[in-house]
Amino acid sequence: MSKKKGLSAEEKRTRMMEIFYETKDVFQLKDMEKIAPKEKGITAMSVKEVLQSLVDDGMVDCERIGTSNYYWAFPSKALHARKRKLEVLDSQLSEGNQKYANLQKSIEKAKVGRHETVKQIKW
């Protein structure tokens, strides 16, 4: 007889994203409060908090239409975000490699004509 342990915040976020990706639909908060506990085991009391954290992180889109808030997230948006991030990281890597190569060349130029001493002189 083991006690059922609650989900961590990250698990809740992951499961909430699964709901959006599996259904590919637009939801209101009250819809999510009904669906999340049944399908993914997220307590109804924490749905709003988890949903807001996903909106704040840009993983879920939210739009206010009239008096209602609508939430959605599609897999293609996540894919495009990852591609953009990968492109940025690749460019940063190539810039870093270029800087490294330039610094190595500068070191080699600075070493020309110098003699390394074995003993350092103390003043």
C-alpha atoms as a PDB file:
ATOM      1  CA  MET A   1       0.000   0.000   0.000  1.00  0.00           C
ATOM      2  CA  SER A   2       2.037   2.911  -1.222  1.00  0.00           C
ATOM      3  CA  LYS A   3       0.829   6.464  -0.954  1.00  0.00           C
ATOM      4  CA  LYS A   4       0.306   8.234  -4.227  1.00  0.00           C
ATOM      5  CA  LYS A   5       2.943  10.906  -4.555  1.00  0.00           C
ATOM      6  CA  GLY A   6       2.098  14.256  -6.149  1.00  0.00           C
ATOM      7  CA  LEU A   7       3.620  15.410  -9.394  1.00  0.00           C
ATOM      8  CA  SER A   8       6.505  17.856  -9.494  1.00  0.00           C
ATOM      9  CA  ALA A   9       6.038  21.205 -11.207  1.00  0.00           C
ATOM     10  CA  GLU A  10       8.147  20.079 -14.178  1.00  0.00           C
ATOM     11  CA  GLU A  11       6.101  16.891 -14.580  1.00  0.00           C
ATOM     12  CA  LYS A  12       2.905  18.942 -14.544  1.00  0.00           C
ATOM     13  CA  ARG A  13       4.295  21.278 -17.194  1.00  0.00           C
ATOM     14  CA  THR A  14       5.337  18.349 -19.384  1.00  0.00           C
ATOM     15  CA  ARG A  15       1.971  16.653 -19.068  1.00  0.00           C
ATOM     16  CA  MET A  16       0.136  19.897 -19.786  1.00  0.00           C
ATOM     17  CA  MET A  17       2.193  20.352 -22.960  1.00  0.00           C
ATOM     18  CA  GLU A  18       1.315  16.782 -23.953  1.00  0.00           C
ATOM     19  CA  ILE A  19      -2.376  17.712 -23.782  1.00  0.00           C
ATOM     20  CA  PHE A  20      -1.826  20.598 -26.186  1.00  0.00           C
ATOM     21  CA  TYR A  21       0.380  18.599 -28.568  1.00  0.00           C
ATOM     22  CA  GLU A  22      -1.859  15.526 -28.638  1.00  0.00           C
ATOM     23  CA  THR A  23      -5.133  17.400 -29.210  1.00  0.00           C
ATOM     24  CA  LYS A  24      -3.795  20.300 -31.320  1.00  0.00           C
ATOM     25  CA  ASP A  25      -6.754  22.320 -30.089  1.00  0.00           C
ATOM     26  CA  VAL A  26      -7.511  25.659 -28.407  1.00  0.00           C
ATOM     27  CA  PHE A  27      -8.731  25.626 -24.800  1.00  0.00           C
ATOM     28  CA  GLN A  28     -10.178  27.922 -22.189  1.00  0.00           C
ATOM     29  CA  LEU A  29      -9.058  27.676 -18.576  1.00  0.00           C
ATOM     30  CA  LYS A  30     -12.250  25.919 -17.478  1.00  0.00           C
ATOM     31  CA  ASP A  31     -11.745  23.304 -20.241  1.00  0.00           C
ATOM     32  CA  MET A  32      -8.194  22.650 -19.062  1.00  0.00           C
ATOM     33  CA  GLU A  33      -9.386  22.353 -15.452  1.00  0.00           C
ATOM     34  CA  LYS A  34     -11.702  19.542 -16.575  1.00  0.00           C
ATOM     35  CA  ILE A  35      -9.350  17.772 -19.003  1.00  0.00           C
ATOM     36  CA  ALA A  36      -6.027  17.861 -17.110  1.00  0.00           C
ATOM     37  CA  PRO A  37      -7.143  15.917 -13.999  1.00  0.00           C
ATOM     38  CA  LYS A  38      -8.868  13.214 -16.053  1.00  0.00           C
ATOM     39  CA  GLU A  39      -6.253  12.644 -18.733  1.00  0.00           C
ATOM     40  CA  LYS A  40      -2.940  13.542 -17.099  1.00  0.00           C
ATOM     41  CA  GLY A  41      -3.520  13.462 -13.341  1.00  0.00           C
ATOM     42  CA  ILE A  42      -2.824  17.152 -12.754  1.00  0.00           C
ATOM     43  CA  THR A  43      -4.918  18.444  -9.867  1.00  0.00           C
ATOM     44  CA  ALA A  44      -7.549  20.969 -10.894  1.00  0.00           C
ATOM     45  CA  MET A  45      -6.285  23.415  -8.275  1.00  0.00           C
ATOM     46  CA  SER A  46      -2.851  23.671  -9.890  1.00  0.00           C
ATOM     47  CA  VAL A  47      -3.929  23.839 -13.548  1.00  0.00           C
ATOM     48  CA  LYS A  48      -4.128  27.642 -13.627  1.00  0.00           C
ATOM     49  CA  GLU A  49      -0.701  28.044 -12.028  1.00  0.00           C
ATOM     50  CA  VAL A  50       0.960  25.543 -14.376  1.00  0.00           C
ATOM     51  CA  LEU A  51      -0.744  27.060 -17.414  1.00  0.00           C
ATOM     52  CA  GLN A  52       0.384  30.563 -16.412  1.00  0.00           C
ATOM     53  CA  SER A  53       3.982  29.397 -15.984  1.00  0.00           C
ATOM     54  CA  LEU A  54       3.897  27.894 -19.491  1.00  0.00           C
ATOM     55  CA  VAL A  55       2.507  31.161 -20.890  1.00  0.00           C
ATOM     56  CA  ASP A  56       5.212  33.153 -19.057  1.00  0.00           C
ATOM     57  CA  ASP A  57       7.914  30.924 -20.572  1.00  0.00           C
ATOM     58  CA  GLY A  58       6.470  31.341 -24.076  1.00  0.00           C
ATOM     59  CA  MET A  59       5.655  27.659 -24.485  1.00  0.00           C
ATOM     60  CA  VAL A  60       1.893  28.236 -24.626  1.00  0.00           C
ATOM     61  CA  ASP A  61       0.187  31.127 -26.396  1.00  0.00           C
ATOM     62  CA  CYS A  62      -2.647  33.023 -24.751  1.00  0.00           C
ATOM     63  CA  GLU A  63      -5.071  35.440 -26.340  1.00  0.00           C
ATOM     64  CA  ARG A  64      -7.908  37.354 -24.738  1.00  0.00           C
ATOM     65  CA  ILE A  65     -10.971  37.430 -26.972  1.00  0.00           C
ATOM     66  CA  GLY A  66     -13.885  39.285 -25.446  1.00  0.00           C
ATOM     67  CA  THR A  67     -14.082  38.191 -21.836  1.00  0.00           C
ATOM     68  CA  SER A  68     -12.397  34.818 -22.370  1.00  0.00           C
ATOM     69  CA  ASN A  69      -8.764  33.740 -22.450  1.00  0.00           C
ATOM     70  CA  TYR A  70      -7.839  31.093 -25.000  1.00  0.00           C
ATOM     71  CA  TYR A  71      -4.727  28.940 -24.698  1.00  0.00           C
ATOM     72  CA  TRP A  72      -2.950  26.904 -27.364  1.00  0.00           C
ATOM     73  CA  ALA A  73       0.397  25.384 -28.255  1.00  0.00           C
ATOM     74  CA  PHE A  74       1.251  23.516 -31.424  1.00  0.00           C
ATOM     75  CA  PRO A  75       4.205  21.160 -31.963  1.00  0.00           C
ATOM     76  CA  SER A  76       5.396  23.127 -34.988  1.00  0.00           C
ATOM     77  CA  LYS A  77       6.021  26.230 -32.849  1.00  0.00           C
ATOM     78  CA  ALA A  78       8.248  24.257 -30.487  1.00  0.00           C
ATOM     79  CA  LEU A  79      10.143  22.816 -33.461  1.00  0.00           C
ATOM     80  CA  HIS A  80      10.748  26.274 -34.947  1.00  0.00           C
ATOM     81  CA  ALA A  81      11.883  27.625 -31.567  1.00  0.00           C
ATOM     82  CA  ARG A  82      14.396  24.776 -31.232  1.00  0.00           C
ATOM     83  CA  LYS A  83      15.677  25.368 -34.775  1.00  0.00           C
ATOM     84  CA  ARG A  84      16.187  29.086 -34.082  1.00  0.00           C
ATOM     85  CA  LYS A  85      17.996  28.300 -30.834  1.00  0.00           C
ATOM     86  CA  LEU A  86      20.214  25.776 -32.639  1.00  0.00           C
ATOM     87  CA  GLU A  87      21.095  28.336 -35.324  1.00  0.00           C
ATOM     88  CA  VAL A  88      22.016  30.923 -32.675  1.00  0.00           C
ATOM     89  CA  LEU A  89      24.179  28.425 -30.803  1.00  0.00           C
ATOM     90  CA  ASP A  90      25.889  27.300 -34.018  1.00  0.00           C
ATOM     91  CA  SER A  91      26.749  30.892 -34.918  1.00  0.00           C
ATOM     92  CA  GLN A  92      28.078  31.520 -31.403  1.00  0.00           C
ATOM     93  CA  LEU A  93      30.199  28.370 -31.657  1.00  0.00           C
ATOM     94  CA  SER A  94      31.683  29.400 -35.002  1.00  0.00           C
ATOM     95  CA  GLU A  95      32.425  32.904 -33.658  1.00  0.00           C
ATOM     96  CA  GLY A  96      34.107  31.378 -30.614  1.00  0.00           C
ATOM     97  CA  ASN A  97      36.208  29.067 -32.776  1.00  0.00           C
ATOM     98  CA  GLN A  98      37.244  31.986 -34.981  1.00  0.00           C
ATOM     99  CA  LYS A  99      38.241  34.047 -31.928  1.00  0.00           C
ATOM    100  CA  TYR A 100      40.225  31.107 -30.591  1.00  0.00           C
ATOM    101  CA  ALA A 101      42.085  30.706 -33.894  1.00  0.00           C
ATOM    102  CA  ASN A 102      42.881  34.444 -34.008  1.00  0.00           C
ATOM    103  CA  LEU A 103      44.175  34.384 -30.435  1.00  0.00           C
ATOM    104  CA  GLN A 104      46.364  31.371 -31.200  1.00  0.00           C
ATOM    105  CA  LYS A 105      47.854  33.237 -34.171  1.00  0.00           C
ATOM    106  CA  SER A 106      48.503  36.272 -31.954  1.00  0.00           C
ATOM    107  CA  ILE A 107      50.259  34.082 -29.412  1.00  0.00           C
ATOM    108  CA  GLU A 108      52.482  32.575 -32.102  1.00  0.00           C
ATOM    109  CA  LYS A 109      53.360  36.042 -33.428  1.00  0.00           C
ATOM    110  CA  ALA A 110      54.192  37.245 -29.923  1.00  0.00           C
ATOM    111  CA  LYS A 111      56.488  34.245 -29.319  1.00  0.00           C
ATOM    112  CA  VAL A 112      58.631  35.024 -32.378  1.00  0.00           C
ATOM    113  CA  GLY A 113      61.926  36.597 -31.298  1.00  0.00           C
ATOM    114  CA  ARG A 114      61.462  35.860 -27.606  1.00  0.00           C
ATOM    115  CA  HIS A 115      63.552  33.527 -25.564  1.00  0.00           C
ATOM    116  CA  GLU A 116      62.037  31.691 -22.673  1.00  0.00           C
ATOM    117  CA  THR A 117      64.084  32.107 -19.527  1.00  0.00           C
ATOM    118  CA  VAL A 118      64.634  29.343 -17.073  1.00  0.00           C
ATOM    119  CA  LYS A 119      65.175  31.617 -14.145  1.00  0.00           C
ATOM    120  CA  GLN A 120      63.179  34.681 -13.277  1.00  0.00           C
ATOM    121  CA  ILE A 121      64.969  37.684 -11.839  1.00  0.00           C
ATOM    122  CA  LYS A 122      63.778  38.959  -8.474  1.00  0.00           C
ATOM    123  CA  TRP A 123      64.027  42.660  -7.830  1.00  0.00           C
END
